[in-house]
Amino acid sequence: EPKTKYDRQLRIWGDQGQAALEKASICLLNCGPTGTEALKNLVLGGIGSVTVVDGSKVEQSDLGNNFLLDEGCLGQSRAKSICSFLQELNDAVKAKYVEESPATMIDTNPSFFSQFTVVLATQLPESSLLKLDSICRSANIVLVAARSYGLTGLVRVSIKVLHISILIPKIRIVPPYTKLS
């Protein structure tokens, strides 16, 4: 029952917020520790669907920094392994994976990204990130780019520019304070 499963978050953002979350479709590019942690939290929250794109195999170094991977994953597809563990966390979430380099996907199949509401790109080279930003902006898709360097990192959210006009009436203080005269 979703009402009890997501009780805490329903109290925060209500039925409409949860419905929006359940309709959302997220694409994670590169499933290192930063992206995996973000996706884990979305999956636990009941995101509609996730697609993981990563062309790498699980290496020994992944085991030390990615808590969703264990020794049984060594040599296997990183995207498939992460997807499998995410599915265990919440079987109501549709989880898919693509075993391909995100940079290659950006270069050869830009239309792939049009099916998502948010693309979460982690540890991408700047050239690929700039191309992806252009793809996402033209399709009106939110791009969240994250990069981590040990204990520090950055997050950049890229959306189309919104123009908001607010008319504010002139404010006058009558009579003015004597010290302001």
Protein backbone atom coordinates (compact mmCIF):
# COMPACT_ATOMS: atom_id res chain seq x y z
CA GLU A 1 0.00 0.00 0.00
CA PRO A 2 1.67 3.27 -1.17
CA LYS A 3 -0.03 5.33 1.55
CA THR A 4 1.80 3.47 4.31
CA LYS A 5 4.97 2.76 2.32
CA TYR A 6 5.55 6.45 1.59
CA ASP A 7 3.82 7.86 4.70
CA ARG A 8 6.66 10.13 5.83
CA GLN A 9 7.18 11.83 2.51
CA LEU A 10 3.43 12.17 1.89
CA ARG A 11 3.36 14.28 5.04
CA ILE A 12 6.00 16.56 3.56
CA TRP A 13 4.89 17.05 -0.06
CA GLY A 14 1.41 15.53 -0.12
CA ASP A 15 -0.35 13.37 -2.68
CA GLN A 16 0.47 15.69 -5.59
CA GLY A 17 4.18 15.66 -4.84
CA GLN A 18 4.23 11.88 -4.54
CA ALA A 19 2.25 11.51 -7.77
CA ALA A 20 4.78 13.73 -9.56
CA LEU A 21 7.63 11.62 -8.16
CA GLU A 22 5.95 8.40 -9.30
CA LYS A 23 5.55 9.82 -12.84
CA ALA A 24 9.19 10.91 -13.09
CA SER A 25 11.70 9.01 -15.18
CA ILE A 26 15.38 9.36 -14.28
CA CYS A 27 18.45 8.48 -16.32
CA LEU A 28 21.73 8.02 -14.45
CA LEU A 29 24.92 8.32 -16.49
CA ASN A 30 27.85 6.56 -14.82
CA CYS A 31 26.96 4.63 -11.70
CA GLY A 32 29.78 5.55 -9.41
CA PRO A 33 29.19 6.26 -5.73
CA THR A 34 27.77 9.79 -6.21
CA GLY A 35 25.14 8.82 -8.77
CA THR A 36 24.31 5.55 -7.06
CA GLU A 37 23.65 7.28 -3.73
CA ALA A 38 21.38 9.86 -5.38
CA LEU A 39 19.50 7.18 -7.31
CA LYS A 40 19.12 5.01 -4.19
CA ASN A 41 17.34 7.86 -2.43
CA LEU A 42 15.01 8.42 -5.38
CA VAL A 43 14.23 4.71 -5.64
CA LEU A 44 13.44 4.51 -1.92
CA GLY A 45 11.17 7.52 -2.39
CA GLY A 46 9.18 5.80 -5.13
CA ILE A 47 10.42 7.38 -8.35
CA GLY A 48 8.53 6.06 -11.39
CA SER A 49 11.41 4.59 -13.35
CA VAL A 50 15.18 4.65 -13.58
CA THR A 51 17.57 3.81 -16.37
CA VAL A 52 21.26 3.33 -15.60
CA VAL A 53 23.77 3.90 -18.41
CA ASP A 54 27.31 2.67 -17.78
CA GLY A 55 29.64 0.68 -20.00
CA SER A 56 32.10 -0.37 -17.30
CA LYS A 57 32.60 -3.65 -15.49
CA VAL A 58 32.77 -3.84 -11.69
CA GLU A 59 36.39 -3.60 -10.52
CA GLN A 60 37.97 -4.11 -7.12
CA SER A 61 38.18 -0.34 -6.61
CA ASP A 62 34.38 -0.09 -6.98
CA LEU A 63 33.87 -2.33 -3.95
CA GLY A 64 35.54 0.14 -1.64
CA ASN A 65 33.46 3.15 -2.59
CA ASN A 66 30.10 1.90 -3.85
CA PHE A 67 27.99 0.29 -1.12
CA LEU A 68 25.57 -1.33 -3.60
CA LEU A 69 28.29 -3.56 -5.02
CA ASP A 70 29.80 -6.67 -3.46
CA GLU A 71 32.47 -9.22 -4.42
CA GLY A 72 29.92 -11.28 -6.35
CA CYS A 73 29.65 -8.38 -8.81
CA LEU A 74 33.34 -8.37 -9.79
CA GLY A 75 33.77 -8.53 -13.56
CA GLN A 76 30.04 -8.06 -14.21
CA SER A 77 28.33 -5.07 -15.80
CA ARG A 78 28.28 -2.18 -13.36
CA ALA A 79 24.96 -0.91 -14.77
CA LYS A 80 23.31 -4.32 -14.45
CA SER A 81 24.63 -4.89 -10.92
CA ILE A 82 23.50 -1.47 -9.66
CA CYS A 83 20.12 -1.88 -11.33
CA SER A 84 19.62 -5.25 -9.68
CA PHE A 85 20.38 -3.88 -6.21
CA LEU A 86 18.17 -0.82 -6.74
CA GLN A 87 15.29 -3.08 -7.77
CA GLU A 88 15.68 -4.97 -4.48
CA LEU A 89 15.22 -1.72 -2.56
CA ASN A 90 11.85 -0.96 -4.15
CA ASP A 91 10.25 -3.42 -6.54
CA ALA A 92 7.55 -0.87 -7.46
CA VAL A 93 10.16 1.14 -9.38
CA LYS A 94 10.82 0.14 -12.99
CA ALA A 95 14.57 -0.22 -13.37
CA LYS A 96 16.46 -0.71 -16.65
CA TYR A 97 20.09 -0.56 -17.64
CA VAL A 98 22.09 0.11 -20.78
CA GLU A 99 25.63 -1.27 -21.04
CA GLU A 100 27.21 1.52 -23.02
CA SER A 101 29.56 4.38 -22.34
CA PRO A 102 27.57 7.53 -21.56
CA ALA A 103 29.92 9.59 -23.76
CA THR A 104 29.24 7.26 -26.69
CA MET A 105 25.48 7.42 -26.02
CA ILE A 106 25.60 11.23 -26.04
CA ASP A 107 27.51 11.27 -29.34
CA THR A 108 25.65 8.53 -31.21
CA ASN A 109 22.10 8.50 -29.82
CA PRO A 110 21.05 11.92 -28.49
CA SER A 111 17.35 11.13 -28.99
CA PHE A 112 17.68 8.44 -26.28
CA PHE A 113 17.45 11.15 -23.61
CA SER A 114 14.07 12.50 -24.75
CA GLN A 115 12.22 9.80 -22.77
CA PHE A 116 13.37 11.12 -19.38
CA THR A 117 12.20 13.93 -17.11
CA VAL A 118 15.62 14.25 -15.43
CA VAL A 119 19.10 13.18 -16.50
CA LEU A 120 21.63 12.77 -13.68
CA ALA A 121 25.13 12.83 -15.14
CA THR A 122 28.08 11.99 -12.90
CA GLN A 123 31.80 12.15 -13.56
CA LEU A 124 31.38 13.08 -17.24
CA PRO A 125 34.14 14.84 -19.17
CA GLU A 126 33.38 18.52 -19.83
CA SER A 127 33.01 18.02 -23.61
CA SER A 128 30.34 15.33 -23.13
CA LEU A 129 28.60 17.40 -20.47
CA LEU A 130 28.33 20.41 -22.79
CA LYS A 131 26.79 18.26 -25.55
CA LEU A 132 24.39 16.67 -23.08
CA ASP A 133 23.37 20.08 -21.75
CA SER A 134 22.46 21.18 -25.28
CA ILE A 135 20.48 17.96 -25.86
CA CYS A 136 18.57 18.30 -22.59
CA ARG A 137 17.81 22.00 -23.01
CA SER A 138 16.42 21.49 -26.50
CA ALA A 139 14.15 18.70 -25.19
CA ASN A 140 13.20 20.65 -22.02
CA ILE A 141 14.72 17.98 -19.76
CA VAL A 142 16.31 18.84 -16.42
CA LEU A 143 20.01 18.02 -16.33
CA VAL A 144 21.71 17.52 -12.98
CA ALA A 145 25.48 17.24 -13.35
CA ALA A 146 27.50 16.04 -10.38
CA ARG A 147 31.19 15.53 -9.93
CA SER A 148 32.96 14.49 -6.77
CA TYR A 149 36.60 14.77 -5.78
CA GLY A 150 37.08 12.83 -2.56
CA LEU A 151 35.25 14.76 0.12
CA THR A 152 34.42 17.73 -2.11
CA GLY A 153 32.32 18.04 -5.21
CA LEU A 154 29.90 20.11 -7.20
CA VAL A 155 26.36 19.87 -8.45
CA ARG A 156 25.01 21.87 -11.37
CA VAL A 157 21.34 21.96 -12.34
CA SER A 158 20.61 23.05 -15.89
CA ILE A 159 17.12 23.96 -17.12
CA LYS A 160 15.73 26.28 -19.74
CA VAL A 161 15.65 29.88 -18.61
CA LEU A 162 12.31 30.94 -17.20
CA HIS A 163 11.24 34.54 -17.59
CA ILE A 164 9.26 35.75 -14.64
CA SER A 165 7.90 39.28 -14.45
CA ILE A 166 6.58 40.64 -11.21
CA LEU A 167 5.17 44.15 -11.01
CA ILE A 168 5.93 45.79 -7.71
CA PRO A 169 4.17 49.06 -6.90
CA LYS A 170 6.29 51.96 -5.74
CA ILE A 171 6.62 52.06 -2.01
CA ARG A 172 6.64 55.45 -0.33
CA ILE A 173 7.03 56.26 3.28
CA VAL A 174 4.93 59.31 4.07
CA PRO A 175 6.08 61.29 5.91
CA PRO A 176 9.72 60.15 5.62
CA TYR A 177 11.80 59.60 8.71
CA THR A 178 13.67 62.73 9.63
CA LYS A 179 17.04 60.93 9.53
CA LEU A 180 16.36 59.79 5.94
CA SER A 181 15.46 63.26 4.65
